[in-house]
Amino acid sequence: VFMFPLLIVLFVGMFPFDPKVVRYALPITAVGWAIAFYHLLLYTGVIPDDLQPCSQGVSCTETYLDLFGFVTIPLLSLMAFTGIMVILIIVKRISKE
């Protein structure tokens, strides 16, 4: 859910390039990363069944995609948010110089 507004914010900040876009994109990325991490914990079984919010309807722990035996949608989401966050931090540090 947090990836979609991030796409719009980053697109607007890239053309023309505005280093202030980090101010808006980094909080969205951080919240998306936290939710992706929570979903990964749900998926791997670290969070017990009685604390899972997905008891009815679509399951949060069902496998819909399994690449190479371990790459799942929650892991892909976490990796994407981590990569975007690292790039935004680098842009923030470079723009200060």
PDB file of N, CA and C in Angstrom:
ATOM      1  N   VAL A   1       0.825  -1.180   0.000  1.00  0.00           N
ATOM      2  CA  VAL A   1       0.000   0.000   0.000  1.00  0.00           C
ATOM      3  C   VAL A   1       0.880   1.259   0.000  1.00  0.00           C
ATOM      4  N   PHE A   2       1.990   1.234   0.694  1.00  0.00           N
ATOM      5  CA  PHE A   2       2.853   2.413   0.766  1.00  0.00           C
ATOM      6  C   PHE A   2       3.766   2.555  -0.444  1.00  0.00           C
ATOM      7  N   MET A   3       3.834   1.542  -1.269  1.00  0.00           N
ATOM      8  CA  MET A   3       4.668   1.624  -2.467  1.00  0.00           C
ATOM      9  C   MET A   3       4.019   2.516  -3.525  1.00  0.00           C
ATOM     10  N   PHE A   4       2.703   2.526  -3.619  1.00  0.00           N
ATOM     11  CA  PHE A   4       2.022   3.292  -4.666  1.00  0.00           C
ATOM     12  C   PHE A   4       2.166   4.803  -4.488  1.00  0.00           C
ATOM     13  N   PRO A   5       1.912   5.384  -3.317  1.00  0.00           N
ATOM     14  CA  PRO A   5       2.144   6.829  -3.190  1.00  0.00           C
ATOM     15  C   PRO A   5       3.621   7.189  -3.294  1.00  0.00           C
ATOM     16  N   LEU A   6       4.482   6.253  -2.918  1.00  0.00           N
ATOM     17  CA  LEU A   6       5.915   6.487  -3.025  1.00  0.00           C
ATOM     18  C   LEU A   6       6.329   6.652  -4.483  1.00  0.00           C
ATOM     19  N   LEU A   7       5.705   5.901  -5.356  1.00  0.00           N
ATOM     20  CA  LEU A   7       5.982   6.023  -6.785  1.00  0.00           C
ATOM     21  C   LEU A   7       5.664   7.429  -7.274  1.00  0.00           C
ATOM     22  N   ILE A   8       4.533   7.961  -6.876  1.00  0.00           N
ATOM     23  CA  ILE A   8       4.134   9.302  -7.310  1.00  0.00           C
ATOM     24  C   ILE A   8       5.065  10.362  -6.722  1.00  0.00           C
ATOM     25  N   VAL A   9       5.370  10.262  -5.439  1.00  0.00           N
ATOM     26  CA  VAL A   9       6.247  11.240  -4.784  1.00  0.00           C
ATOM     27  C   VAL A   9       7.628  11.239  -5.421  1.00  0.00           C
ATOM     28  N   LEU A  10       8.189  10.065  -5.658  1.00  0.00           N
ATOM     29  CA  LEU A  10       9.523   9.995  -6.253  1.00  0.00           C
ATOM     30  C   LEU A  10       9.524  10.450  -7.704  1.00  0.00           C
ATOM     31  N   PHE A  11       8.478  10.167  -8.439  1.00  0.00           N
ATOM     32  CA  PHE A  11       8.395  10.609  -9.835  1.00  0.00           C
ATOM     33  C   PHE A  11       8.343  12.133  -9.916  1.00  0.00           C
ATOM     34  N   VAL A  12       7.545  12.750  -9.058  1.00  0.00           N
ATOM     35  CA  VAL A  12       7.450  14.215  -9.049  1.00  0.00           C
ATOM     36  C   VAL A  12       8.776  14.835  -8.615  1.00  0.00           C
ATOM     37  N   GLY A  13       9.480  14.202  -7.701  1.00  0.00           N
ATOM     38  CA  GLY A  13      10.760  14.721  -7.226  1.00  0.00           C
ATOM     39  C   GLY A  13      11.912  14.502  -8.176  1.00  0.00           C
ATOM     40  N   MET A  14      11.746  13.622  -9.145  1.00  0.00           N
ATOM     41  CA  MET A  14      12.834  13.341 -10.085  1.00  0.00           C
ATOM     42  C   MET A  14      12.829  14.252 -11.304  1.00  0.00           C
ATOM     43  N   PHE A  15      11.684  14.764 -11.691  1.00  0.00           N
ATOM     44  CA  PHE A  15      11.600  15.559 -12.920  1.00  0.00           C
ATOM     45  C   PHE A  15      10.991  16.914 -12.636  1.00  0.00           C
ATOM     46  N   PRO A  16      11.709  17.964 -12.427  1.00  0.00           N
ATOM     47  CA  PRO A  16      13.165  18.059 -12.306  1.00  0.00           C
ATOM     48  C   PRO A  16      13.612  17.569 -10.926  1.00  0.00           C
ATOM     49  N   PHE A  17      14.876  17.190 -10.837  1.00  0.00           N
ATOM     50  CA  PHE A  17      15.390  16.615  -9.594  1.00  0.00           C
ATOM     51  C   PHE A  17      15.323  17.638  -8.465  1.00  0.00           C
ATOM     52  N   ASP A  18      14.746  17.223  -7.363  1.00  0.00           N
ATOM     53  CA  ASP A  18      14.630  18.057  -6.176  1.00  0.00           C
ATOM     54  C   ASP A  18      15.075  17.229  -4.977  1.00  0.00           C
ATOM     55  N   PRO A  19      16.209  17.560  -4.365  1.00  0.00           N
ATOM     56  CA  PRO A  19      16.682  16.760  -3.222  1.00  0.00           C
ATOM     57  C   PRO A  19      15.758  16.821  -2.010  1.00  0.00           C
ATOM     58  N   LYS A  20      14.831  17.779  -1.977  1.00  0.00           N
ATOM     59  CA  LYS A  20      13.887  17.869  -0.858  1.00  0.00           C
ATOM     60  C   LYS A  20      12.846  16.752  -0.887  1.00  0.00           C
ATOM     61  N   VAL A  21      12.798  16.002  -1.971  1.00  0.00           N
ATOM     62  CA  VAL A  21      11.830  14.902  -2.060  1.00  0.00           C
ATOM     63  C   VAL A  21      12.094  13.858  -0.974  1.00  0.00           C
ATOM     64  N   VAL A  22      13.313  13.817  -0.486  1.00  0.00           N
ATOM     65  CA  VAL A  22      13.657  12.868   0.575  1.00  0.00           C
ATOM     66  C   VAL A  22      12.819  13.142   1.812  1.00  0.00           C
ATOM     67  N   ARG A  23      12.526  14.403   2.073  1.00  0.00           N
ATOM     68  CA  ARG A  23      11.727  14.791   3.243  1.00  0.00           C
ATOM     69  C   ARG A  23      10.344  14.140   3.213  1.00  0.00           C
ATOM     70  N   TYR A  24       9.794  13.967   2.036  1.00  0.00           N
ATOM     71  CA  TYR A  24       8.454  13.380   1.900  1.00  0.00           C
ATOM     72  C   TYR A  24       8.497  11.866   1.694  1.00  0.00           C
ATOM     73  N   ALA A  25       9.506  11.407   0.988  1.00  0.00           N
ATOM     74  CA  ALA A  25       9.562   9.991   0.636  1.00  0.00           C
ATOM     75  C   ALA A  25      10.090   9.112   1.767  1.00  0.00           C
ATOM     76  N   LEU A  26      11.008   9.627   2.568  1.00  0.00           N
ATOM     77  CA  LEU A  26      11.606   8.798   3.621  1.00  0.00           C
ATOM     78  C   LEU A  26      10.601   8.344   4.677  1.00  0.00           C
ATOM     79  N   PRO A  27       9.690   9.192   5.161  1.00  0.00           N
ATOM     80  CA  PRO A  27       8.692   8.682   6.123  1.00  0.00           C
ATOM     81  C   PRO A  27       7.759   7.625   5.524  1.00  0.00           C
ATOM     82  N   ILE A  28       7.366   7.821   4.263  1.00  0.00           N
ATOM     83  CA  ILE A  28       6.513   6.814   3.607  1.00  0.00           C
ATOM     84  C   ILE A  28       7.257   5.491   3.505  1.00  0.00           C
ATOM     85  N   THR A  29       8.540   5.579   3.149  1.00  0.00           N
ATOM     86  CA  THR A  29       9.363   4.377   3.023  1.00  0.00           C
ATOM     87  C   THR A  29       9.549   3.690   4.375  1.00  0.00           C
ATOM     88  N   ALA A  30       9.760   4.462   5.426  1.00  0.00           N
ATOM     89  CA  ALA A  30       9.969   3.880   6.759  1.00  0.00           C
ATOM     90  C   ALA A  30       8.719   3.148   7.252  1.00  0.00           C
ATOM     91  N   VAL A  31       7.550   3.739   7.050  1.00  0.00           N
ATOM     92  CA  VAL A  31       6.310   3.070   7.466  1.00  0.00           C
ATOM     93  C   VAL A  31       6.075   1.818   6.621  1.00  0.00           C
ATOM     94  N   GLY A  32       6.327   1.910   5.313  1.00  0.00           N
ATOM     95  CA  GLY A  32       6.199   0.742   4.440  1.00  0.00           C
ATOM     96  C   GLY A  32       7.151  -0.370   4.843  1.00  0.00           C
ATOM     97  N   TRP A  33       8.398   0.011   5.221  1.00  0.00           N
ATOM     98  CA  TRP A  33       9.379  -0.979   5.657  1.00  0.00           C
ATOM     99  C   TRP A  33       8.898  -1.676   6.926  1.00  0.00           C
ATOM    100  N   ALA A  34       8.361  -0.909   7.878  1.00  0.00           N
ATOM    101  CA  ALA A  34       7.892  -1.500   9.144  1.00  0.00           C
ATOM    102  C   ALA A  34       6.742  -2.478   8.900  1.00  0.00           C
ATOM    103  N   ILE A  35       5.824  -2.120   8.029  1.00  0.00           N
ATOM    104  CA  ILE A  35       4.707  -3.012   7.727  1.00  0.00           C
ATOM    105  C   ILE A  35       5.191  -4.251   6.977  1.00  0.00           C
ATOM    106  N   ALA A  36       6.138  -4.075   6.061  1.00  0.00           N
ATOM    107  CA  ALA A  36       6.696  -5.219   5.336  1.00  0.00           C
ATOM    108  C   ALA A  36       7.436  -6.155   6.295  1.00  0.00           C
ATOM    109  N   PHE A  37       8.161  -5.591   7.258  1.00  0.00           N
ATOM    110  CA  PHE A  37       8.864  -6.405   8.248  1.00  0.00           C
ATOM    111  C   PHE A  37       7.874  -7.188   9.115  1.00  0.00           C
ATOM    112  N   TYR A  38       6.796  -6.525   9.531  1.00  0.00           N
ATOM    113  CA  TYR A  38       5.752  -7.195  10.312  1.00  0.00           C
ATOM    114  C   TYR A  38       5.118  -8.333   9.508  1.00  0.00           C
ATOM    115  N   HIS A  39       4.861  -8.081   8.216  1.00  0.00           N
ATOM    116  CA  HIS A  39       4.276  -9.112   7.369  1.00  0.00           C
ATOM    117  C   HIS A  39       5.233 -10.290   7.205  1.00  0.00           C
ATOM    118  N   LEU A  40       6.528 -10.002   7.091  1.00  0.00           N
ATOM    119  CA  LEU A  40       7.515 -11.081   6.997  1.00  0.00           C
ATOM    120  C   LEU A  40       7.547 -11.905   8.283  1.00  0.00           C
ATOM    121  N   LEU A  41       7.439 -11.233   9.433  1.00  0.00           N
ATOM    122  CA  LEU A  41       7.386 -11.962  10.704  1.00  0.00           C
ATOM    123  C   LEU A  41       6.137 -12.827  10.802  1.00  0.00           C
ATOM    124  N   LEU A  42       5.010 -12.318  10.303  1.00  0.00           N
ATOM    125  CA  LEU A  42       3.783 -13.121  10.264  1.00  0.00           C
ATOM    126  C   LEU A  42       3.977 -14.346   9.380  1.00  0.00           C
ATOM    127  N   TYR A  43       4.566 -14.115   8.220  1.00  0.00           N
ATOM    128  CA  TYR A  43       4.732 -15.175   7.233  1.00  0.00           C
ATOM    129  C   TYR A  43       5.667 -16.269   7.725  1.00  0.00           C
ATOM    130  N   THR A  44       6.749 -15.886   8.385  1.00  0.00           N
ATOM    131  CA  THR A  44       7.715 -16.883   8.847  1.00  0.00           C
ATOM    132  C   THR A  44       7.293 -17.578  10.130  1.00  0.00           C
ATOM    133  N   GLY A  45       6.226 -17.108  10.782  1.00  0.00           N
ATOM    134  CA  GLY A  45       5.727 -17.771  11.984  1.00  0.00           C
ATOM    135  C   GLY A  45       6.333 -17.269  13.268  1.00  0.00           C
ATOM    136  N   VAL A  46       7.088 -16.171  13.225  1.00  0.00           N
ATOM    137  CA  VAL A  46       7.669 -15.608  14.438  1.00  0.00           C
ATOM    138  C   VAL A  46       6.568 -15.051  15.341  1.00  0.00           C
ATOM    139  N   ILE A  47       5.565 -14.428  14.733  1.00  0.00           N
ATOM    140  CA  ILE A  47       4.421 -13.916  15.490  1.00  0.00           C
ATOM    141  C   ILE A  47       3.411 -15.053  15.650  1.00  0.00           C
ATOM    142  N   PRO A  48       2.975 -15.353  16.868  1.00  0.00           N
ATOM    143  CA  PRO A  48       2.060 -16.476  17.094  1.00  0.00           C
ATOM    144  C   PRO A  48       0.701 -16.283  16.410  1.00  0.00           C
ATOM    145  N   ASP A  49       0.013 -17.391  16.219  1.00  0.00           N
ATOM    146  CA  ASP A  49      -1.278 -17.378  15.526  1.00  0.00           C
ATOM    147  C   ASP A  49      -2.325 -16.514  16.220  1.00  0.00           C
ATOM    148  N   ASP A  50      -2.306 -16.455  17.545  1.00  0.00           N
ATOM    149  CA  ASP A  50      -3.328 -15.686  18.244  1.00  0.00           C
ATOM    150  C   ASP A  50      -3.136 -14.173  18.119  1.00  0.00           C
ATOM    151  N   LEU A  51      -1.968 -13.721  17.647  1.00  0.00           N
ATOM    152  CA  LEU A  51      -1.724 -12.299  17.449  1.00  0.00           C
ATOM    153  C   LEU A  51      -1.849 -11.878  15.981  1.00  0.00           C
ATOM    154  N   GLN A  52      -2.198 -12.805  15.108  1.00  0.00           N
ATOM    155  CA  GLN A  52      -2.314 -12.496  13.692  1.00  0.00           C
ATOM    156  C   GLN A  52      -3.663 -11.857  13.396  1.00  0.00           C
ATOM    157  N   PRO A  53      -3.653 -10.719  12.691  1.00  0.00           N
ATOM    158  CA  PRO A  53      -4.917 -10.043  12.389  1.00  0.00           C
ATOM    159  C   PRO A  53      -5.672 -10.671  11.225  1.00  0.00           C
ATOM    160  N   CYS A  54      -5.044 -11.537  10.469  1.00  0.00           N
ATOM    161  CA  CYS A  54      -5.654 -12.080   9.248  1.00  0.00           C
ATOM    162  C   CYS A  54      -6.281 -13.437   9.520  1.00  0.00           C
ATOM    163  N   SER A  55      -7.353 -13.473  10.271  1.00  0.00           N
ATOM    164  CA  SER A  55      -7.967 -14.754  10.593  1.00  0.00           C
ATOM    165  C   SER A  55      -9.104 -15.105   9.646  1.00  0.00           C
ATOM    166  N   GLN A  56      -9.725 -14.106   9.005  1.00  0.00           N
ATOM    167  CA  GLN A  56     -10.816 -14.358   8.064  1.00  0.00           C
ATOM    168  C   GLN A  56     -10.455 -13.768   6.713  1.00  0.00           C
ATOM    169  N   GLY A  57     -10.980 -14.356   5.661  1.00  0.00           N
ATOM    170  CA  GLY A  57     -10.716 -13.831   4.317  1.00  0.00           C
ATOM    171  C   GLY A  57      -9.363 -14.288   3.791  1.00  0.00           C
ATOM    172  N   VAL A  58      -8.647 -13.384   3.170  1.00  0.00           N
ATOM    173  CA  VAL A  58      -7.342 -13.699   2.592  1.00  0.00           C
ATOM    174  C   VAL A  58      -6.321 -13.874   3.703  1.00  0.00           C
ATOM    175  N   SER A  59      -5.540 -14.922   3.602  1.00  0.00           N
ATOM    176  CA  SER A  59      -4.549 -15.226   4.624  1.00  0.00           C
ATOM    177  C   SER A  59      -3.282 -14.395   4.421  1.00  0.00           C
ATOM    178  N   CYS A  60      -2.686 -13.956   5.526  1.00  0.00           N
ATOM    179  CA  CYS A  60      -1.413 -13.222   5.467  1.00  0.00           C
ATOM    180  C   CYS A  60      -0.225 -14.165   5.352  1.00  0.00           C
ATOM    181  N   THR A  61      -0.449 -15.443   5.592  1.00  0.00           N
ATOM    182  CA  THR A  61       0.664 -16.383   5.629  1.00  0.00           C
ATOM    183  C   THR A  61       0.635 -17.403   4.494  1.00  0.00           C
ATOM    184  N   GLU A  62      -0.337 -17.314   3.603  1.00  0.00           N
ATOM    185  CA  GLU A  62      -0.399 -18.251   2.484  1.00  0.00           C
ATOM    186  C   GLU A  62       0.649 -17.889   1.434  1.00  0.00           C
ATOM    187  N   THR A  63       1.265 -18.896   0.841  1.00  0.00           N
ATOM    188  CA  THR A  63       2.309 -18.670  -0.148  1.00  0.00           C
ATOM    189  C   THR A  63       1.686 -18.470  -1.522  1.00  0.00           C
ATOM    190  N   TYR A  64       1.871 -17.262  -2.079  1.00  0.00           N
ATOM    191  CA  TYR A  64       1.383 -16.962  -3.418  1.00  0.00           C
ATOM    192  C   TYR A  64       2.523 -16.953  -4.430  1.00  0.00           C
ATOM    193  N   LEU A  65       3.731 -16.719  -3.979  1.00  0.00           N
ATOM    194  CA  LEU A  65       4.903 -16.664  -4.824  1.00  0.00           C
ATOM    195  C   LEU A  65       6.074 -17.206  -4.032  1.00  0.00           C
ATOM    196  N   ASP A  66       6.832 -18.107  -4.634  1.00  0.00           N
ATOM    197  CA  ASP A  66       7.978 -18.695  -3.950  1.00  0.00           C
ATOM    198  C   ASP A  66       9.096 -18.878  -4.969  1.00  0.00           C
ATOM    199  N   LEU A  67       9.996 -17.898  -5.033  1.00  0.00           N
ATOM    200  CA  LEU A  67      11.119 -17.963  -5.965  1.00  0.00           C
ATOM    201  C   LEU A  67      12.337 -18.542  -5.261  1.00  0.00           C
ATOM    202  N   PHE A  68      12.996 -19.475  -5.900  1.00  0.00           N
ATOM    203  CA  PHE A  68      14.224 -20.095  -5.387  1.00  0.00           C
ATOM    204  C   PHE A  68      14.033 -20.761  -4.029  1.00  0.00           C
ATOM    205  N   GLY A  69      12.803 -21.018  -3.641  1.00  0.00           N
ATOM    206  CA  GLY A  69      12.530 -21.713  -2.396  1.00  0.00           C
ATOM    207  C   GLY A  69      12.466 -20.845  -1.154  1.00  0.00           C
ATOM    208  N   PHE A  70      12.841 -19.558  -1.254  1.00  0.00           N
ATOM    209  CA  PHE A  70      12.804 -18.719  -0.056  1.00  0.00           C
ATOM    210  C   PHE A  70      12.383 -17.272  -0.326  1.00  0.00           C
ATOM    211  N   VAL A  71      12.362 -16.828  -1.547  1.00  0.00           N
ATOM    212  CA  VAL A  71      12.002 -15.448  -1.856  1.00  0.00           C
ATOM    213  C   VAL A  71      10.483 -15.371  -2.030  1.00  0.00           C
ATOM    214  N   THR A  72       9.834 -14.696  -1.086  1.00  0.00           N
ATOM    215  CA  THR A  72       8.378 -14.571  -1.088  1.00  0.00           C
ATOM    216  C   THR A  72       7.991 -13.101  -1.259  1.00  0.00           C
ATOM    217  N   ILE A  73       6.705 -12.843  -1.384  1.00  0.00           N
ATOM    218  CA  ILE A  73       6.229 -11.468  -1.547  1.00  0.00           C
ATOM    219  C   ILE A  73       6.591 -10.590  -0.342  1.00  0.00           C
ATOM    220  N   PRO A  74       6.431 -11.045   0.901  1.00  0.00           N
ATOM    221  CA  PRO A  74       6.851 -10.194   2.023  1.00  0.00           C
ATOM    222  C   PRO A  74       8.346  -9.870   1.994  1.00  0.00           C
ATOM    223  N   LEU A  75       9.173 -10.836   1.603  1.00  0.00           N
ATOM    224  CA  LEU A  75      10.618 -10.594   1.527  1.00  0.00           C
ATOM    225  C   LEU A  75      10.946  -9.633   0.393  1.00  0.00           C
ATOM    226  N   LEU A  76      10.286  -9.768  -0.757  1.00  0.00           N
ATOM    227  CA  LEU A  76      10.499  -8.851  -1.868  1.00  0.00           C
ATOM    228  C   LEU A  76      10.111  -7.429  -1.475  1.00  0.00           C
ATOM    229  N   SER A  77       9.012  -7.282  -0.774  1.00  0.00           N
ATOM    230  CA  SER A  77       8.566  -5.968  -0.320  1.00  0.00           C
ATOM    231  C   SER A  77       9.576  -5.356   0.642  1.00  0.00           C
ATOM    232  N   LEU A  78      10.058  -6.137   1.577  1.00  0.00           N
ATOM    233  CA  LEU A  78      11.049  -5.647   2.540  1.00  0.00           C
ATOM    234  C   LEU A  78      12.337  -5.238   1.828  1.00  0.00           C
ATOM    235  N   MET A  79      12.779  -6.024   0.871  1.00  0.00           N
ATOM    236  CA  MET A  79      13.994  -5.695   0.120  1.00  0.00           C
ATOM    237  C   MET A  79      13.801  -4.423  -0.694  1.00  0.00           C
ATOM    238  N   ALA A  80      12.636  -4.241  -1.302  1.00  0.00           N
ATOM    239  CA  ALA A  80      12.378  -3.038  -2.092  1.00  0.00           C
ATOM    240  C   ALA A  80      12.385  -1.797  -1.205  1.00  0.00           C
ATOM    241  N   PHE A  81      11.704  -1.846  -0.078  1.00  0.00           N
ATOM    242  CA  PHE A  81      11.691  -0.696   0.819  1.00  0.00           C
ATOM    243  C   PHE A  81      13.077  -0.422   1.394  1.00  0.00           C
ATOM    244  N   THR A  82      13.848  -1.465   1.683  1.00  0.00           N
ATOM    245  CA  THR A  82      15.204  -1.278   2.188  1.00  0.00           C
ATOM    246  C   THR A  82      16.071  -0.597   1.135  1.00  0.00           C
ATOM    247  N   GLY A  83      15.996  -1.052  -0.104  1.00  0.00           N
ATOM    248  CA  GLY A  83      16.774  -0.445  -1.176  1.00  0.00           C
ATOM    249  C   GLY A  83      16.412   1.007  -1.405  1.00  0.00           C
ATOM    250  N   ILE A  84      15.128   1.310  -1.409  1.00  0.00           N
ATOM    251  CA  ILE A  84      14.680   2.693  -1.605  1.00  0.00           C
ATOM    252  C   ILE A  84      15.134   3.561  -0.437  1.00  0.00           C
ATOM    253  N   MET A  85      15.051   3.026   0.772  1.00  0.00           N
ATOM    254  CA  MET A  85      15.466   3.784   1.948  1.00  0.00           C
ATOM    255  C   MET A  85      16.963   4.093   1.903  1.00  0.00           C
ATOM    256  N   VAL A  86      17.773   3.123   1.504  1.00  0.00           N
ATOM    257  CA  VAL A  86      19.219   3.334   1.404  1.00  0.00           C
ATOM    258  C   VAL A  86      19.527   4.406   0.357  1.00  0.00           C
ATOM    259  N   ILE A  87      18.873   4.337  -0.786  1.00  0.00           N
ATOM    260  CA  ILE A  87      19.092   5.339  -1.835  1.00  0.00           C
ATOM    261  C   ILE A  87      18.679   6.728  -1.357  1.00  0.00           C
ATOM    262  N   LEU A  88      17.555   6.835  -0.663  1.00  0.00           N
ATOM    263  CA  LEU A  88      17.105   8.132  -0.154  1.00  0.00           C
ATOM    264  C   LEU A  88      18.077   8.702   0.877  1.00  0.00           C
ATOM    265  N   ILE A  89      18.622   7.856   1.733  1.00  0.00           N
ATOM    266  CA  ILE A  89      19.600   8.323   2.729  1.00  0.00           C
ATOM    267  C   ILE A  89      20.869   8.796   2.038  1.00  0.00           C
ATOM    268  N   ILE A  90      21.299   8.091   1.006  1.00  0.00           N
ATOM    269  CA  ILE A  90      22.483   8.521   0.248  1.00  0.00           C
ATOM    270  C   ILE A  90      22.229   9.864  -0.422  1.00  0.00           C
ATOM    271  N   VAL A  91      21.066  10.028  -1.029  1.00  0.00           N
ATOM    272  CA  VAL A  91      20.722  11.308  -1.667  1.00  0.00           C
ATOM    273  C   VAL A  91      20.677  12.424  -0.643  1.00  0.00           C
ATOM    274  N   LYS A  92      20.163  12.148   0.539  1.00  0.00           N
ATOM    275  CA  LYS A  92      20.097  13.158   1.599  1.00  0.00           C
ATOM    276  C   LYS A  92      21.498  13.579   2.029  1.00  0.00           C
ATOM    277  N   ARG A  93      22.402  12.630   2.175  1.00  0.00           N
ATOM    278  CA  ARG A  93      23.771  12.949   2.598  1.00  0.00           C
ATOM    279  C   ARG A  93      24.536  13.693   1.508  1.00  0.00           C
ATOM    280  N   ILE A  94      24.323  13.301   0.255  1.00  0.00           N
ATOM    281  CA  ILE A  94      25.005  13.969  -0.853  1.00  0.00           C
ATOM    282  C   ILE A  94      24.489  15.398  -1.006  1.00  0.00           C
ATOM    283  N   SER A  95      23.198  15.602  -0.819  1.00  0.00           N
ATOM    284  CA  SER A  95      22.634  16.941  -0.994  1.00  0.00           C
ATOM    285  C   SER A  95      23.058  17.908   0.111  1.00  0.00           C
ATOM    286  N   LYS A  96      23.489  17.398   1.253  1.00  0.00           N
ATOM    287  CA  LYS A  96      23.973  18.267   2.337  1.00  0.00           C
ATOM    288  C   LYS A  96      25.346  18.831   2.027  1.00  0.00           C
ATOM    289  N   GLU A  97      26.111  18.131   1.211  1.00  0.00           N
ATOM    290  CA  GLU A  97      27.486  18.560   0.921  1.00  0.00           C
ATOM    291  C   GLU A  97      27.564  19.689  -0.035  1.00  0.00           C
TER     292      GLU A  97
END
